Amino acid sequence: MKHIIENLLKLQTIQFGAAAGAETEKQTAALRALIPAPILAHHDRLVARGKKGVAVIKGQTCGECHVQVPKNAVLTLMHGTDIQICGNCGRYLCLPEHVAPAQPPVKAKKTKSKAKPAALLQTA
């Protein structure tokens, strides 16, 4: 299932890119052949309205409409078992592959400063 979303994301990048020509038409045709017809039809309906068909999840929210995505949808995407659609905007959801899961920041341990004896602090 991941490869379908990856192909949709590549197709979206080509469609919303500024470059147009014979090479991009060949790439578009090749990608469209790899995507199942019902998924492609849903994607095309969104693109016809001037919207992107795929949204990247950012911080457990849809990257396009900024509505929180249910945890089970995120887990399904992480396992790659099914395709998920945003319940608000209808875009296909994908996880950013290059971003590692957020880790809580590591706090530096505070070292206790040992008090110096009073004899060392006094200068004669």
N, C-alpha and C. Protein backbone atom coordinates (compact mmCIF):
# COMPACT_ATOMS: atom_id res chain seq x y z
N MET A 1 0.80 -1.20 0.00
CA MET A 1 0.00 0.00 0.00
C MET A 1 0.85 1.27 0.00
N LYS A 2 2.04 1.18 0.58
CA LYS A 2 2.90 2.36 0.63
C LYS A 2 3.28 2.83 -0.77
N HIS A 3 3.51 1.88 -1.68
CA HIS A 3 3.93 2.26 -3.02
C HIS A 3 2.85 3.04 -3.77
N ILE A 4 1.58 2.77 -3.46
CA ILE A 4 0.49 3.50 -4.11
C ILE A 4 0.53 4.97 -3.69
N ILE A 5 0.65 5.19 -2.39
CA ILE A 5 0.70 6.56 -1.89
C ILE A 5 1.97 7.28 -2.38
N GLU A 6 3.08 6.55 -2.42
CA GLU A 6 4.32 7.16 -2.93
C GLU A 6 4.15 7.58 -4.39
N ASN A 7 3.48 6.75 -5.19
CA ASN A 7 3.24 7.10 -6.59
C ASN A 7 2.29 8.29 -6.70
N LEU A 8 1.28 8.33 -5.82
CA LEU A 8 0.37 9.48 -5.82
C LEU A 8 1.12 10.77 -5.46
N LEU A 9 2.02 10.66 -4.51
CA LEU A 9 2.80 11.82 -4.10
C LEU A 9 3.71 12.30 -5.22
N LYS A 10 4.33 11.36 -5.95
CA LYS A 10 5.16 11.73 -7.10
C LYS A 10 4.32 12.39 -8.18
N LEU A 11 3.13 11.82 -8.43
CA LEU A 11 2.22 12.38 -9.43
C LEU A 11 1.80 13.79 -9.04
N GLN A 12 1.51 13.99 -7.78
CA GLN A 12 1.12 15.32 -7.30
C GLN A 12 2.26 16.32 -7.47
N THR A 13 3.48 15.89 -7.20
CA THR A 13 4.64 16.77 -7.36
C THR A 13 4.80 17.20 -8.82
N ILE A 14 4.59 16.27 -9.72
CA ILE A 14 4.69 16.59 -11.14
C ILE A 14 3.55 17.51 -11.57
N GLN A 15 2.32 17.22 -11.12
CA GLN A 15 1.16 18.01 -11.52
C GLN A 15 1.21 19.44 -11.00
N PHE A 16 1.70 19.64 -9.79
CA PHE A 16 1.74 20.97 -9.21
C PHE A 16 3.08 21.66 -9.43
N GLY A 17 3.99 20.99 -10.14
CA GLY A 17 5.28 21.59 -10.46
C GLY A 17 5.13 22.59 -11.60
N ALA A 18 6.11 23.44 -11.75
CA ALA A 18 6.06 24.48 -12.77
C ALA A 18 6.45 23.96 -14.15
N ALA A 19 7.29 22.91 -14.19
CA ALA A 19 7.79 22.41 -15.47
C ALA A 19 6.71 21.58 -16.18
N ALA A 20 6.62 21.78 -17.48
CA ALA A 20 5.70 21.01 -18.30
C ALA A 20 6.40 20.68 -19.61
N GLY A 21 6.18 19.49 -20.09
CA GLY A 21 6.81 19.10 -21.34
C GLY A 21 6.57 17.64 -21.62
N ALA A 22 7.22 17.13 -22.65
CA ALA A 22 7.03 15.75 -23.07
C ALA A 22 7.52 14.76 -22.01
N GLU A 23 8.62 15.11 -21.36
CA GLU A 23 9.17 14.21 -20.33
C GLU A 23 8.22 14.08 -19.14
N THR A 24 7.64 15.19 -18.71
CA THR A 24 6.72 15.13 -17.57
C THR A 24 5.44 14.39 -17.94
N GLU A 25 5.02 14.49 -19.20
CA GLU A 25 3.84 13.75 -19.64
C GLU A 25 4.10 12.26 -19.62
N LYS A 26 5.30 11.84 -19.99
CA LYS A 26 5.65 10.42 -19.95
C LYS A 26 5.69 9.92 -18.50
N GLN A 27 6.26 10.73 -17.60
CA GLN A 27 6.31 10.34 -16.19
C GLN A 27 4.91 10.26 -15.60
N THR A 28 4.08 11.22 -15.96
CA THR A 28 2.70 11.23 -15.47
C THR A 28 1.95 10.00 -15.95
N ALA A 29 2.09 9.65 -17.21
CA ALA A 29 1.40 8.48 -17.76
C ALA A 29 1.89 7.20 -17.09
N ALA A 30 3.19 7.11 -16.85
CA ALA A 30 3.75 5.92 -16.21
C ALA A 30 3.25 5.78 -14.78
N LEU A 31 3.18 6.87 -14.04
CA LEU A 31 2.69 6.82 -12.67
C LEU A 31 1.21 6.51 -12.61
N ARG A 32 0.44 7.09 -13.52
CA ARG A 32 -1.01 6.83 -13.55
C ARG A 32 -1.31 5.36 -13.84
N ALA A 33 -0.45 4.71 -14.60
CA ALA A 33 -0.65 3.29 -14.90
C ALA A 33 -0.42 2.41 -13.67
N LEU A 34 0.36 2.89 -12.72
CA LEU A 34 0.67 2.11 -11.52
C LEU A 34 -0.36 2.26 -10.40
N ILE A 35 -1.26 3.23 -10.52
CA ILE A 35 -2.22 3.53 -9.46
C ILE A 35 -3.58 2.93 -9.83
N PRO A 36 -4.22 2.20 -8.90
CA PRO A 36 -5.55 1.63 -9.18
C PRO A 36 -6.57 2.72 -9.56
N ALA A 37 -7.51 2.35 -10.44
CA ALA A 37 -8.47 3.31 -10.99
C ALA A 37 -9.32 4.03 -9.94
N PRO A 38 -9.89 3.36 -8.93
CA PRO A 38 -10.71 4.09 -7.95
C PRO A 38 -9.91 5.14 -7.16
N ILE A 39 -8.69 4.81 -6.82
CA ILE A 39 -7.85 5.74 -6.08
C ILE A 39 -7.47 6.91 -6.97
N LEU A 40 -7.15 6.63 -8.20
CA LEU A 40 -6.79 7.67 -9.16
C LEU A 40 -7.97 8.60 -9.44
N ALA A 41 -9.18 8.03 -9.52
CA ALA A 41 -10.37 8.85 -9.76
C ALA A 41 -10.62 9.81 -8.60
N HIS A 42 -10.45 9.34 -7.37
CA HIS A 42 -10.62 10.20 -6.20
C HIS A 42 -9.57 11.32 -6.20
N HIS A 43 -8.35 10.96 -6.52
CA HIS A 43 -7.26 11.94 -6.60
C HIS A 43 -7.56 12.98 -7.68
N ASP A 44 -8.02 12.53 -8.83
CA ASP A 44 -8.31 13.45 -9.93
C ASP A 44 -9.45 14.41 -9.59
N ARG A 45 -10.45 13.95 -8.82
CA ARG A 45 -11.53 14.85 -8.41
C ARG A 45 -10.99 16.00 -7.55
N LEU A 46 -10.07 15.67 -6.66
CA LEU A 46 -9.49 16.72 -5.82
C LEU A 46 -8.64 17.68 -6.64
N VAL A 47 -7.85 17.15 -7.56
CA VAL A 47 -6.98 17.98 -8.40
C VAL A 47 -7.83 18.87 -9.31
N ALA A 48 -8.98 18.38 -9.78
CA ALA A 48 -9.85 19.17 -10.64
C ALA A 48 -10.39 20.40 -9.90
N ARG A 49 -10.49 20.31 -8.58
CA ARG A 49 -10.92 21.45 -7.77
C ARG A 49 -9.76 22.36 -7.37
N GLY A 50 -8.56 22.01 -7.83
CA GLY A 50 -7.39 22.82 -7.51
C GLY A 50 -6.75 22.47 -6.18
N LYS A 51 -7.11 21.31 -5.64
CA LYS A 51 -6.57 20.88 -4.36
C LYS A 51 -5.55 19.77 -4.58
N LYS A 52 -4.67 19.63 -3.60
CA LYS A 52 -3.73 18.51 -3.64
C LYS A 52 -4.47 17.25 -3.22
N GLY A 53 -4.07 16.12 -3.78
CA GLY A 53 -4.73 14.86 -3.48
C GLY A 53 -4.12 14.12 -2.31
N VAL A 54 -2.89 14.47 -1.94
CA VAL A 54 -2.18 13.78 -0.86
C VAL A 54 -1.71 14.82 0.16
N ALA A 55 -1.95 14.50 1.43
CA ALA A 55 -1.50 15.38 2.51
C ALA A 55 -0.53 14.62 3.40
N VAL A 56 0.53 15.28 3.78
CA VAL A 56 1.53 14.68 4.67
C VAL A 56 1.12 14.98 6.11
N ILE A 57 1.18 13.97 6.95
CA ILE A 57 0.83 14.15 8.36
C ILE A 57 1.99 14.85 9.06
N LYS A 58 1.65 15.91 9.75
CA LYS A 58 2.65 16.68 10.50
C LYS A 58 2.18 16.80 11.94
N GLY A 59 2.89 16.17 12.84
CA GLY A 59 2.53 16.25 14.25
C GLY A 59 1.14 15.71 14.54
N GLN A 60 0.76 14.64 13.91
CA GLN A 60 -0.52 13.95 14.04
C GLN A 60 -1.70 14.81 13.57
N THR A 61 -1.41 15.76 12.66
CA THR A 61 -2.48 16.53 12.03
C THR A 61 -2.31 16.47 10.53
N CYS A 62 -3.40 16.64 9.81
CA CYS A 62 -3.36 16.67 8.36
C CYS A 62 -2.59 17.91 7.94
N GLY A 63 -1.64 17.76 7.04
CA GLY A 63 -0.81 18.87 6.60
C GLY A 63 -1.53 19.88 5.75
N GLU A 64 -2.73 19.58 5.27
CA GLU A 64 -3.47 20.51 4.41
C GLU A 64 -4.59 21.22 5.16
N CYS A 65 -5.42 20.47 5.93
CA CYS A 65 -6.55 21.11 6.61
C CYS A 65 -6.29 21.33 8.09
N HIS A 66 -5.18 20.79 8.61
CA HIS A 66 -4.74 20.99 9.99
C HIS A 66 -5.70 20.46 11.05
N VAL A 67 -6.44 19.42 10.69
CA VAL A 67 -7.32 18.74 11.65
C VAL A 67 -6.59 17.52 12.17
N GLN A 68 -6.78 17.21 13.45
CA GLN A 68 -6.08 16.09 14.06
C GLN A 68 -6.53 14.77 13.42
N VAL A 69 -5.55 13.93 13.12
CA VAL A 69 -5.79 12.62 12.52
C VAL A 69 -5.89 11.60 13.66
N PRO A 70 -6.88 10.70 13.62
CA PRO A 70 -6.99 9.70 14.68
C PRO A 70 -5.74 8.82 14.77
N LYS A 71 -5.42 8.41 15.99
CA LYS A 71 -4.21 7.62 16.22
C LYS A 71 -4.25 6.30 15.46
N ASN A 72 -5.44 5.68 15.36
CA ASN A 72 -5.50 4.40 14.64
C ASN A 72 -5.19 4.57 13.16
N ALA A 73 -5.52 5.72 12.58
CA ALA A 73 -5.19 5.97 11.18
C ALA A 73 -3.68 6.12 11.01
N VAL A 74 -3.04 6.79 11.96
CA VAL A 74 -1.58 6.95 11.91
C VAL A 74 -0.90 5.60 12.06
N LEU A 75 -1.39 4.77 13.00
CA LEU A 75 -0.81 3.44 13.20
C LEU A 75 -0.99 2.57 11.96
N THR A 76 -2.13 2.66 11.31
CA THR A 76 -2.35 1.90 10.08
C THR A 76 -1.37 2.33 9.00
N LEU A 77 -1.12 3.61 8.91
CA LEU A 77 -0.14 4.10 7.92
C LEU A 77 1.26 3.66 8.28
N MET A 78 1.57 3.63 9.56
CA MET A 78 2.90 3.19 9.98
C MET A 78 3.14 1.72 9.63
N HIS A 79 2.09 0.91 9.77
CA HIS A 79 2.22 -0.51 9.44
C HIS A 79 2.13 -0.76 7.94
N GLY A 80 1.57 0.19 7.20
CA GLY A 80 1.46 0.05 5.75
C GLY A 80 0.44 -0.96 5.31
N THR A 81 -0.58 -1.19 6.13
CA THR A 81 -1.57 -2.20 5.80
C THR A 81 -2.75 -1.67 4.99
N ASP A 82 -2.98 -0.36 5.02
CA ASP A 82 -4.13 0.19 4.30
C ASP A 82 -3.87 1.66 3.98
N ILE A 83 -4.69 2.20 3.11
CA ILE A 83 -4.63 3.61 2.74
C ILE A 83 -5.64 4.34 3.61
N GLN A 84 -5.28 5.53 4.06
CA GLN A 84 -6.17 6.32 4.91
C GLN A 84 -6.51 7.65 4.24
N ILE A 85 -7.73 8.10 4.48
CA ILE A 85 -8.21 9.38 3.94
C ILE A 85 -8.54 10.28 5.11
N CYS A 86 -8.20 11.56 5.00
CA CYS A 86 -8.52 12.53 6.04
C CYS A 86 -10.04 12.65 6.14
N GLY A 87 -10.55 12.55 7.35
CA GLY A 87 -12.00 12.63 7.56
C GLY A 87 -12.56 14.02 7.32
N ASN A 88 -11.72 15.03 7.28
CA ASN A 88 -12.18 16.40 7.09
C ASN A 88 -12.10 16.84 5.63
N CYS A 89 -10.91 16.74 5.03
CA CYS A 89 -10.73 17.28 3.68
C CYS A 89 -10.78 16.23 2.57
N GLY A 90 -10.71 14.94 2.92
CA GLY A 90 -10.82 13.89 1.93
C GLY A 90 -9.54 13.56 1.19
N ARG A 91 -8.42 14.13 1.60
CA ARG A 91 -7.14 13.83 0.94
C ARG A 91 -6.58 12.53 1.47
N TYR A 92 -5.79 11.88 0.62
CA TYR A 92 -5.06 10.69 1.06
C TYR A 92 -3.97 11.14 2.01
N LEU A 93 -3.77 10.37 3.06
CA LEU A 93 -2.78 10.71 4.06
C LEU A 93 -1.52 9.89 3.88
N CYS A 94 -0.38 10.50 4.14
CA CYS A 94 0.88 9.77 4.12
C CYS A 94 1.78 10.30 5.22
N LEU A 95 2.66 9.43 5.69
CA LEU A 95 3.63 9.80 6.70
C LEU A 95 4.91 10.24 6.02
N PRO A 96 5.56 11.25 6.55
CA PRO A 96 6.85 11.63 5.96
C PRO A 96 7.88 10.54 6.24
N GLU A 97 8.42 9.95 5.20
CA GLU A 97 9.34 8.82 5.35
C GLU A 97 10.70 9.25 5.88
N HIS A 98 11.10 10.46 5.56
CA HIS A 98 12.44 10.90 5.93
C HIS A 98 12.53 11.48 7.33
N VAL A 99 11.39 11.69 7.99
CA VAL A 99 11.40 12.28 9.32
C VAL A 99 11.31 11.17 10.36
N ALA A 100 12.23 11.17 11.29
CA ALA A 100 12.22 10.18 12.36
C ALA A 100 11.12 10.54 13.36
N PRO A 101 10.59 9.56 14.07
CA PRO A 101 9.58 9.87 15.09
C PRO A 101 10.13 10.86 16.11
N ALA A 102 9.28 11.75 16.54
CA ALA A 102 9.72 12.78 17.47
C ALA A 102 10.09 12.17 18.81
N GLN A 103 11.25 12.52 19.28
CA GLN A 103 11.73 12.07 20.57
C GLN A 103 11.66 13.25 21.53
N PRO A 104 11.32 12.98 22.79
CA PRO A 104 11.31 14.10 23.73
C PRO A 104 12.73 14.65 23.89
N PRO A 105 12.85 15.95 24.06
CA PRO A 105 14.19 16.52 24.18
C PRO A 105 14.90 16.00 25.43
N VAL A 106 16.16 15.77 25.28
CA VAL A 106 16.96 15.27 26.38
C VAL A 106 17.45 16.47 27.17
N LYS A 107 17.12 16.47 28.45
CA LYS A 107 17.55 17.57 29.31
C LYS A 107 18.93 17.28 29.85
N ALA A 108 19.74 18.30 29.88
CA ALA A 108 21.08 18.14 30.43
C ALA A 108 20.97 17.97 31.94
N LYS A 109 21.72 17.04 32.46
CA LYS A 109 21.69 16.81 33.89
C LYS A 109 22.43 17.95 34.59
N LYS A 110 21.79 18.42 35.62
CA LYS A 110 22.42 19.48 36.40
C LYS A 110 23.38 18.83 37.39
N THR A 111 24.56 19.36 37.42
CA THR A 111 25.54 18.85 38.38
C THR A 111 25.51 19.74 39.61
N LYS A 112 25.53 19.09 40.71
CA LYS A 112 25.53 19.84 41.95
C LYS A 112 26.94 20.35 42.19
N SER A 113 27.00 21.64 42.40
CA SER A 113 28.32 22.21 42.67
C SER A 113 28.63 22.02 44.15
N LYS A 114 29.77 21.51 44.39
CA LYS A 114 30.18 21.29 45.77
C LYS A 114 30.69 22.60 46.33
N ALA A 115 30.22 22.92 47.51
CA ALA A 115 30.64 24.16 48.15
C ALA A 115 32.09 24.04 48.59
N LYS A 116 32.82 25.06 48.31
CA LYS A 116 34.22 25.05 48.71
C LYS A 116 34.31 25.41 50.18
N PRO A 117 35.24 24.83 50.87
CA PRO A 117 35.39 25.18 52.27
C PRO A 117 35.70 26.66 52.44
N ALA A 118 35.26 27.22 53.53
CA ALA A 118 35.44 28.64 53.79
C ALA A 118 36.91 29.03 53.85
N ALA A 119 37.76 28.11 54.26
CA ALA A 119 39.19 28.40 54.36
C ALA A 119 39.78 28.68 52.99
N LEU A 120 39.27 28.04 51.95
CA LEU A 120 39.82 28.26 50.59
C LEU A 120 39.31 29.56 50.00
N LEU A 121 38.13 29.98 50.43
CA LEU A 121 37.56 31.19 49.88
C LEU A 121 38.20 32.45 50.44
N GLN A 122 38.72 32.36 51.63
CA GLN A 122 39.31 33.54 52.25
C GLN A 122 40.74 33.72 51.75
N THR A 123 41.05 34.88 51.37
CA THR A 123 42.41 35.20 50.96
C THR A 123 43.05 36.07 52.00
N ALA A 124 44.24 35.78 52.34
CA ALA A 124 44.91 36.53 53.39
C ALA A 124 45.67 37.70 52.84
